[in-house]
Every structure is written in C-alpha cells, then in structure tokens.
C-alpha cells in the first residue's frame, strides 16, 4: 500500500509540474500590422492562462462619398484593453508545441476606444465621432521563428458613438460591431 501511495504522489507531482509549465509569459511586447493599421502591444500575466493585452495603434479607414466619387483615407488612434484567456496551453505543451510569446488559442473581450482625432483629411461637412466597441473575440496566435508572429481573430459585439451637439447621425448611436483581424508581427 505504501508503494502505491508513493507512486500516486509521484505521478500527481509530475502532472503538477507539467501544469505549471503551461503558462502565459509574465510580459511580452511587440508590434503588429494588418490590412488596415499598425499597433504596438503589451501582454501582462494575470494568471497562468489569462493575460491583459494593452494596445496603442492606428486604425485605418477608406471611404467615399458615393460609388464613383472621390475616396478618402484616414487613420484614427485606437486604445485597446483586452483580457485574453489562453485556453489550450496545457494541451499544446502535452503535444510538444510552442507556447512562448503566448502562442495558443484565446477567447477575449476586446474593448477599443477611438478618440475624435483624425490623421488625414475629411471631406467638407464630415466629422469623425469618437466611439467605443466591446467585442467578445475568438482567435489564435502562432510564432514563426524566434520573433515573428501571426494572429487572427473573429468576434461580434457592441459599439457606442459619443454623439456631439449639432451633429446628425444617419444611424443609431448604438449597434453591432464586428472584429475580423489578420495580423503579422514582431515580438521583442
């Protein structure tokens, strides 16, 4: 019986050691670019599977006044806070896959604020209205080599426009927001 208990304790301690290895990094910093923007981010460890991502970047937009008229290109600052739960780290360690740089699948609540600052020019009688979006997102991040990463995510959530006085909106101040991103990046 003593040998059985000793073997059980040894087996459980091995599982505990493996579980401790499967953890997000204490802190990771990098830059990313995608189809419409560039961002700098930091992820700080909150628990073994949860990291808080803070991000500062520029979201880009292309729009036109009508189908055949002129088109405009603007960039707007974006401030994002996003708690991420990396739910498959232990599974990736078991399969001997990389988890460095928080490489894994995640579920998050992406909260982004766009102030009413615009880099570029808006057409006459056009105003940019600041907004906030809250979007539950599912995504993956993988590493290529030591420093390069790619990331993709999809989610549907909520947006709110901070309406200004004397501004007419063609749509509601609240509505459905979509997060669909594909990014490549460099991790320092």
C-alpha atoms as a PDB file:
ATOM      1  CA  UNK A   1       0.000   0.000   0.000  1.00  0.00           C
ATOM      2  CA  UNK A   2       2.880   2.390   0.798  1.00  0.00           C
ATOM      3  CA  UNK A   3       4.375   1.773  -2.623  1.00  0.00           C
ATOM      4  CA  UNK A   4       1.011   2.524  -4.271  1.00  0.00           C
ATOM      5  CA  UNK A   5       0.652   5.805  -2.352  1.00  0.00           C
ATOM      6  CA  UNK A   6       4.238   6.751  -3.149  1.00  0.00           C
ATOM      7  CA  UNK A   7       3.647   6.063  -6.855  1.00  0.00           C
ATOM      8  CA  UNK A   8       0.388   8.077  -6.765  1.00  0.00           C
ATOM      9  CA  UNK A   9       2.080  11.081  -5.116  1.00  0.00           C
ATOM     10  CA  UNK A  10       4.942  10.920  -7.630  1.00  0.00           C
ATOM     11  CA  UNK A  11       2.505  10.752 -10.579  1.00  0.00           C
ATOM     12  CA  UNK A  12       0.452  13.693  -9.297  1.00  0.00           C
ATOM     13  CA  UNK A  13       3.595  15.765  -8.746  1.00  0.00           C
ATOM     14  CA  UNK A  14       4.655  15.131 -12.363  1.00  0.00           C
ATOM     15  CA  UNK A  15       1.229  16.323 -13.560  1.00  0.00           C
ATOM     16  CA  UNK A  16       1.523  19.393 -11.326  1.00  0.00           C
ATOM     17  CA  UNK A  17       4.958  20.235 -12.744  1.00  0.00           C
ATOM     18  CA  UNK A  18       3.613  19.927 -16.305  1.00  0.00           C
ATOM     19  CA  UNK A  19       0.631  22.144 -15.475  1.00  0.00           C
ATOM     20  CA  UNK A  20       2.920  24.829 -14.056  1.00  0.00           C
ATOM     21  CA  UNK A  21       4.969  24.909 -17.265  1.00  0.00           C
ATOM     22  CA  UNK A  22       1.856  25.699 -19.306  1.00  0.00           C
ATOM     23  CA  UNK A  23       1.539  29.397 -18.520  1.00  0.00           C
ATOM     24  CA  UNK A  24       1.380  32.697 -20.355  1.00  0.00           C
ATOM     25  CA  UNK A  25       4.523  34.797 -20.243  1.00  0.00           C
ATOM     26  CA  UNK A  26       4.975  37.343 -17.465  1.00  0.00           C
ATOM     27  CA  UNK A  27       5.190  40.155 -20.024  1.00  0.00           C
ATOM     28  CA  UNK A  28       5.584  40.283 -23.783  1.00  0.00           C
ATOM     29  CA  UNK A  29       5.871  43.304 -26.056  1.00  0.00           C
ATOM     30  CA  UNK A  30       5.599  43.610 -29.817  1.00  0.00           C
ATOM     31  CA  UNK A  31       4.310  45.426 -32.864  1.00  0.00           C
ATOM     32  CA  UNK A  32       1.778  44.179 -35.406  1.00  0.00           C
ATOM     33  CA  UNK A  33       0.442  45.278 -38.747  1.00  0.00           C
ATOM     34  CA  UNK A  34      -2.590  44.179 -40.681  1.00  0.00           C
ATOM     35  CA  UNK A  35      -4.677  45.181 -43.659  1.00  0.00           C
ATOM     36  CA  UNK A  36      -5.876  48.438 -42.071  1.00  0.00           C
ATOM     37  CA  UNK A  37      -3.487  49.602 -39.373  1.00  0.00           C
ATOM     38  CA  UNK A  38      -0.417  49.279 -37.194  1.00  0.00           C
ATOM     39  CA  UNK A  39      -0.307  48.616 -33.438  1.00  0.00           C
ATOM     40  CA  UNK A  40       2.116  48.274 -30.506  1.00  0.00           C
ATOM     41  CA  UNK A  41       1.033  45.937 -27.724  1.00  0.00           C
ATOM     42  CA  UNK A  42       1.993  44.563 -24.345  1.00  0.00           C
ATOM     43  CA  UNK A  43       0.572  41.475 -22.657  1.00  0.00           C
ATOM     44  CA  UNK A  44       0.928  41.168 -18.887  1.00  0.00           C
ATOM     45  CA  UNK A  45       0.270  37.957 -16.992  1.00  0.00           C
ATOM     46  CA  UNK A  46      -2.745  37.995 -14.652  1.00  0.00           C
ATOM     47  CA  UNK A  47      -2.889  34.223 -14.005  1.00  0.00           C
ATOM     48  CA  UNK A  48      -1.371  31.101 -15.576  1.00  0.00           C
ATOM     49  CA  UNK A  49      -3.813  31.271 -18.532  1.00  0.00           C
ATOM     50  CA  UNK A  50      -5.018  34.908 -18.538  1.00  0.00           C
ATOM     51  CA  UNK A  51      -3.107  37.914 -19.858  1.00  0.00           C
ATOM     52  CA  UNK A  52      -4.160  41.554 -20.098  1.00  0.00           C
ATOM     53  CA  UNK A  53      -3.324  42.966 -23.519  1.00  0.00           C
ATOM     54  CA  UNK A  54      -2.941  46.732 -23.792  1.00  0.00           C
ATOM     55  CA  UNK A  55      -2.586  48.144 -27.256  1.00  0.00           C
ATOM     56  CA  UNK A  56      -1.984  51.536 -28.830  1.00  0.00           C
ATOM     57  CA  UNK A  57      -2.186  51.927 -32.566  1.00  0.00           C
ATOM     58  CA  UNK A  58      -3.642  53.480 -35.662  1.00  0.00           C
ATOM     59  CA  UNK A  59      -6.756  52.040 -37.302  1.00  0.00           C
ATOM     60  CA  UNK A  60      -7.111  52.952 -40.958  1.00  0.00           C
ATOM     61  CA  UNK A  61     -10.281  53.599 -42.948  1.00  0.00           C
ATOM     62  CA  UNK A  62     -11.028  54.036 -46.636  1.00  0.00           C
ATOM     63  CA  UNK A  63     -14.358  55.587 -47.546  1.00  0.00           C
ATOM     64  CA  UNK A  64     -16.045  57.502 -50.316  1.00  0.00           C
ATOM     65  CA  UNK A  65     -18.903  59.941 -50.646  1.00  0.00           C
ATOM     66  CA  UNK A  66     -20.559  57.852 -53.360  1.00  0.00           C
ATOM     67  CA  UNK A  67     -19.735  54.940 -55.653  1.00  0.00           C
ATOM     68  CA  UNK A  68     -17.953  56.956 -58.366  1.00  0.00           C
ATOM     69  CA  UNK A  69     -16.773  59.970 -56.352  1.00  0.00           C
ATOM     70  CA  UNK A  70     -13.516  60.604 -54.596  1.00  0.00           C
ATOM     71  CA  UNK A  71     -12.277  58.297 -51.882  1.00  0.00           C
ATOM     72  CA  UNK A  72     -10.560  59.309 -48.651  1.00  0.00           C
ATOM     73  CA  UNK A  73      -8.022  57.548 -46.459  1.00  0.00           C
ATOM     74  CA  UNK A  74      -7.730  58.375 -42.766  1.00  0.00           C
ATOM     75  CA  UNK A  75      -6.031  56.913 -39.723  1.00  0.00           C
ATOM     76  CA  UNK A  76      -7.517  57.144 -36.242  1.00  0.00           C
ATOM     77  CA  UNK A  77      -5.737  56.414 -32.932  1.00  0.00           C
ATOM     78  CA  UNK A  78      -7.015  53.283 -31.179  1.00  0.00           C
ATOM     79  CA  UNK A  79      -6.606  52.469 -27.484  1.00  0.00           C
ATOM     80  CA  UNK A  80      -7.435  48.865 -26.595  1.00  0.00           C
ATOM     81  CA  UNK A  81      -7.646  46.833 -23.384  1.00  0.00           C
ATOM     82  CA  UNK A  82      -8.277  43.149 -23.870  1.00  0.00           C
ATOM     83  CA  UNK A  83      -8.208  40.410 -21.229  1.00  0.00           C
ATOM     84  CA  UNK A  84      -7.320  37.167 -23.017  1.00  0.00           C
ATOM     85  CA  UNK A  85      -7.851  33.613 -21.784  1.00  0.00           C
ATOM     86  CA  UNK A  86      -5.407  31.236 -23.495  1.00  0.00           C
ATOM     87  CA  UNK A  87      -7.403  28.053 -23.037  1.00  0.00           C
ATOM     88  CA  UNK A  88      -5.243  25.416 -24.731  1.00  0.00           C
ATOM     89  CA  UNK A  89      -1.755  25.966 -23.313  1.00  0.00           C
ATOM     90  CA  UNK A  90      -1.597  22.649 -21.412  1.00  0.00           C
ATOM     91  CA  UNK A  91      -2.762  20.755 -24.491  1.00  0.00           C
ATOM     92  CA  UNK A  92      -0.084  22.452 -26.614  1.00  0.00           C
ATOM     93  CA  UNK A  93       2.623  21.564 -24.057  1.00  0.00           C
ATOM     94  CA  UNK A  94       1.412  17.946 -23.983  1.00  0.00           C
ATOM     95  CA  UNK A  95       1.699  17.794 -27.789  1.00  0.00           C
ATOM     96  CA  UNK A  96       5.168  19.435 -27.578  1.00  0.00           C
ATOM     97  CA  UNK A  97       4.023  22.586 -29.404  1.00  0.00           C
ATOM     98  CA  UNK A  98       5.310  26.074 -28.674  1.00  0.00           C
ATOM     99  CA  UNK A  99       3.628  28.379 -26.159  1.00  0.00           C
ATOM    100  CA  UNK A 100       6.357  31.031 -25.954  1.00  0.00           C
ATOM    101  CA  UNK A 101       5.137  34.542 -26.681  1.00  0.00           C
ATOM    102  CA  UNK A 102       1.627  33.404 -25.635  1.00  0.00           C
ATOM    103  CA  UNK A 103       1.263  31.192 -28.685  1.00  0.00           C
ATOM    104  CA  UNK A 104      -2.126  29.497 -28.454  1.00  0.00           C
ATOM    105  CA  UNK A 105      -5.871  29.829 -28.916  1.00  0.00           C
ATOM    106  CA  UNK A 106      -7.652  32.521 -26.938  1.00  0.00           C
ATOM    107  CA  UNK A 107     -11.028  33.975 -26.029  1.00  0.00           C
ATOM    108  CA  UNK A 108     -11.116  37.668 -25.154  1.00  0.00           C
ATOM    109  CA  UNK A 109     -13.255  40.729 -24.615  1.00  0.00           C
ATOM    110  CA  UNK A 110     -11.719  43.384 -26.859  1.00  0.00           C
ATOM    111  CA  UNK A 111     -12.567  46.914 -25.700  1.00  0.00           C
ATOM    112  CA  UNK A 112     -11.385  49.692 -28.033  1.00  0.00           C
ATOM    113  CA  UNK A 113     -11.767  53.455 -27.797  1.00  0.00           C
ATOM    114  CA  UNK A 114     -11.296  55.725 -30.827  1.00  0.00           C
ATOM    115  CA  UNK A 115     -10.958  59.411 -29.853  1.00  0.00           C
ATOM    116  CA  UNK A 116     -12.153  62.049 -32.302  1.00  0.00           C
ATOM    117  CA  UNK A 117      -8.638  62.673 -33.636  1.00  0.00           C
ATOM    118  CA  UNK A 118      -8.039  62.050 -37.330  1.00  0.00           C
ATOM    119  CA  UNK A 119      -4.761  61.740 -39.218  1.00  0.00           C
ATOM    120  CA  UNK A 120      -5.629  62.695 -42.771  1.00  0.00           C
ATOM    121  CA  UNK A 121      -8.301  64.935 -44.191  1.00  0.00           C
ATOM    122  CA  UNK A 122     -12.036  64.512 -44.060  1.00  0.00           C
ATOM    123  CA  UNK A 123     -14.366  65.855 -46.762  1.00  0.00           C
ATOM    124  CA  UNK A 124     -16.177  69.119 -46.028  1.00  0.00           C
ATOM    125  CA  UNK A 125     -19.136  68.835 -43.627  1.00  0.00           C
ATOM    126  CA  UNK A 126     -17.856  65.475 -42.344  1.00  0.00           C
ATOM    127  CA  UNK A 127     -16.993  64.877 -38.691  1.00  0.00           C
ATOM    128  CA  UNK A 128     -15.379  61.868 -37.031  1.00  0.00           C
ATOM    129  CA  UNK A 129     -17.244  60.881 -33.875  1.00  0.00           C
ATOM    130  CA  UNK A 130     -15.399  59.084 -31.084  1.00  0.00           C
ATOM    131  CA  UNK A 131     -16.635  55.609 -30.227  1.00  0.00           C
ATOM    132  CA  UNK A 132     -16.128  52.592 -28.011  1.00  0.00           C
ATOM    133  CA  UNK A 133     -16.508  48.952 -29.018  1.00  0.00           C
ATOM    134  CA  UNK A 134     -16.829  45.896 -26.785  1.00  0.00           C
ATOM    135  CA  UNK A 135     -16.417  42.688 -28.768  1.00  0.00           C
ATOM    136  CA  UNK A 136     -16.102  39.107 -27.460  1.00  0.00           C
ATOM    137  CA  UNK A 137     -13.478  37.555 -29.743  1.00  0.00           C
ATOM    138  CA  UNK A 138     -12.064  34.116 -30.501  1.00  0.00           C
ATOM    139  CA  UNK A 139      -8.588  33.956 -32.001  1.00  0.00           C
ATOM    140  CA  UNK A 140      -5.263  32.217 -32.418  1.00  0.00           C
ATOM    141  CA  UNK A 141      -1.669  33.396 -32.210  1.00  0.00           C
ATOM    142  CA  UNK A 142       1.302  31.443 -33.517  1.00  0.00           C
ATOM    143  CA  UNK A 143       5.049  32.066 -33.651  1.00  0.00           C
ATOM    144  CA  UNK A 144       7.256  31.784 -36.711  1.00  0.00           C
ATOM    145  CA  UNK A 145      10.878  31.568 -35.684  1.00  0.00           C
ATOM    146  CA  UNK A 146      12.027  33.377 -32.560  1.00  0.00           C
ATOM    147  CA  UNK A 147      10.496  36.834 -33.052  1.00  0.00           C
ATOM    148  CA  UNK A 148       7.798  36.775 -35.738  1.00  0.00           C
ATOM    149  CA  UNK A 149       4.113  36.080 -35.043  1.00  0.00           C
ATOM    150  CA  UNK A 150       0.823  35.888 -36.852  1.00  0.00           C
ATOM    151  CA  UNK A 151      -2.593  36.286 -35.316  1.00  0.00           C
ATOM    152  CA  UNK A 152      -6.171  36.058 -36.450  1.00  0.00           C
ATOM    153  CA  UNK A 153      -9.460  36.602 -34.669  1.00  0.00           C
ATOM    154  CA  UNK A 154     -13.175  36.984 -35.177  1.00  0.00           C
ATOM    155  CA  UNK A 155     -15.939  38.371 -32.988  1.00  0.00           C
ATOM    156  CA  UNK A 156     -19.276  40.165 -32.898  1.00  0.00           C
ATOM    157  CA  UNK A 157     -20.128  42.732 -30.256  1.00  0.00           C
ATOM    158  CA  UNK A 158     -21.405  46.215 -29.495  1.00  0.00           C
ATOM    159  CA  UNK A 159     -20.426  49.776 -30.400  1.00  0.00           C
ATOM    160  CA  UNK A 160     -21.461  53.133 -28.960  1.00  0.00           C
ATOM    161  CA  UNK A 161     -20.935  56.506 -30.674  1.00  0.00           C
ATOM    162  CA  UNK A 162     -20.360  59.522 -28.457  1.00  0.00           C
ATOM    163  CA  UNK A 163     -22.649  61.925 -30.306  1.00  0.00           C
ATOM    164  CA  UNK A 164     -21.658  65.574 -30.467  1.00  0.00           C
ATOM    165  CA  UNK A 165     -24.047  68.512 -30.355  1.00  0.00           C
ATOM    166  CA  UNK A 166     -25.280  69.783 -33.732  1.00  0.00           C
ATOM    167  CA  UNK A 167     -24.340  66.506 -35.472  1.00  0.00           C
ATOM    168  CA  UNK A 168     -26.915  64.471 -37.380  1.00  0.00           C
ATOM    169  CA  UNK A 169     -26.385  60.687 -37.429  1.00  0.00           C
ATOM    170  CA  UNK A 170     -27.835  58.532 -40.204  1.00  0.00           C
ATOM    171  CA  UNK A 171     -27.795  55.533 -37.893  1.00  0.00           C
ATOM    172  CA  UNK A 172     -28.279  54.809 -34.189  1.00  0.00           C
ATOM    173  CA  UNK A 173     -25.714  55.733 -31.572  1.00  0.00           C
ATOM    174  CA  UNK A 174     -25.502  52.021 -30.626  1.00  0.00           C
ATOM    175  CA  UNK A 175     -25.215  48.973 -32.815  1.00  0.00           C
ATOM    176  CA  UNK A 176     -23.460  45.767 -33.786  1.00  0.00           C
ATOM    177  CA  UNK A 177     -19.678  45.816 -34.257  1.00  0.00           C
ATOM    178  CA  UNK A 178     -17.553  43.154 -35.949  1.00  0.00           C
ATOM    179  CA  UNK A 179     -13.923  42.322 -35.215  1.00  0.00           C
ATOM    180  CA  UNK A 180     -12.213  40.438 -38.024  1.00  0.00           C
ATOM    181  CA  UNK A 181      -8.452  40.716 -37.964  1.00  0.00           C
ATOM    182  CA  UNK A 182      -5.426  39.082 -39.551  1.00  0.00           C
ATOM    183  CA  UNK A 183      -2.088  40.458 -38.353  1.00  0.00           C
ATOM    184  CA  UNK A 184       1.590  39.733 -38.635  1.00  0.00           C
ATOM    185  CA  UNK A 185       4.003  40.997 -36.044  1.00  0.00           C
ATOM    186  CA  UNK A 186       7.401  41.168 -34.428  1.00  0.00           C
ATOM    187  CA  UNK A 187       7.928  40.285 -30.762  1.00  0.00           C
ATOM    188  CA  UNK A 188      10.788  41.930 -28.825  1.00  0.00           C
END
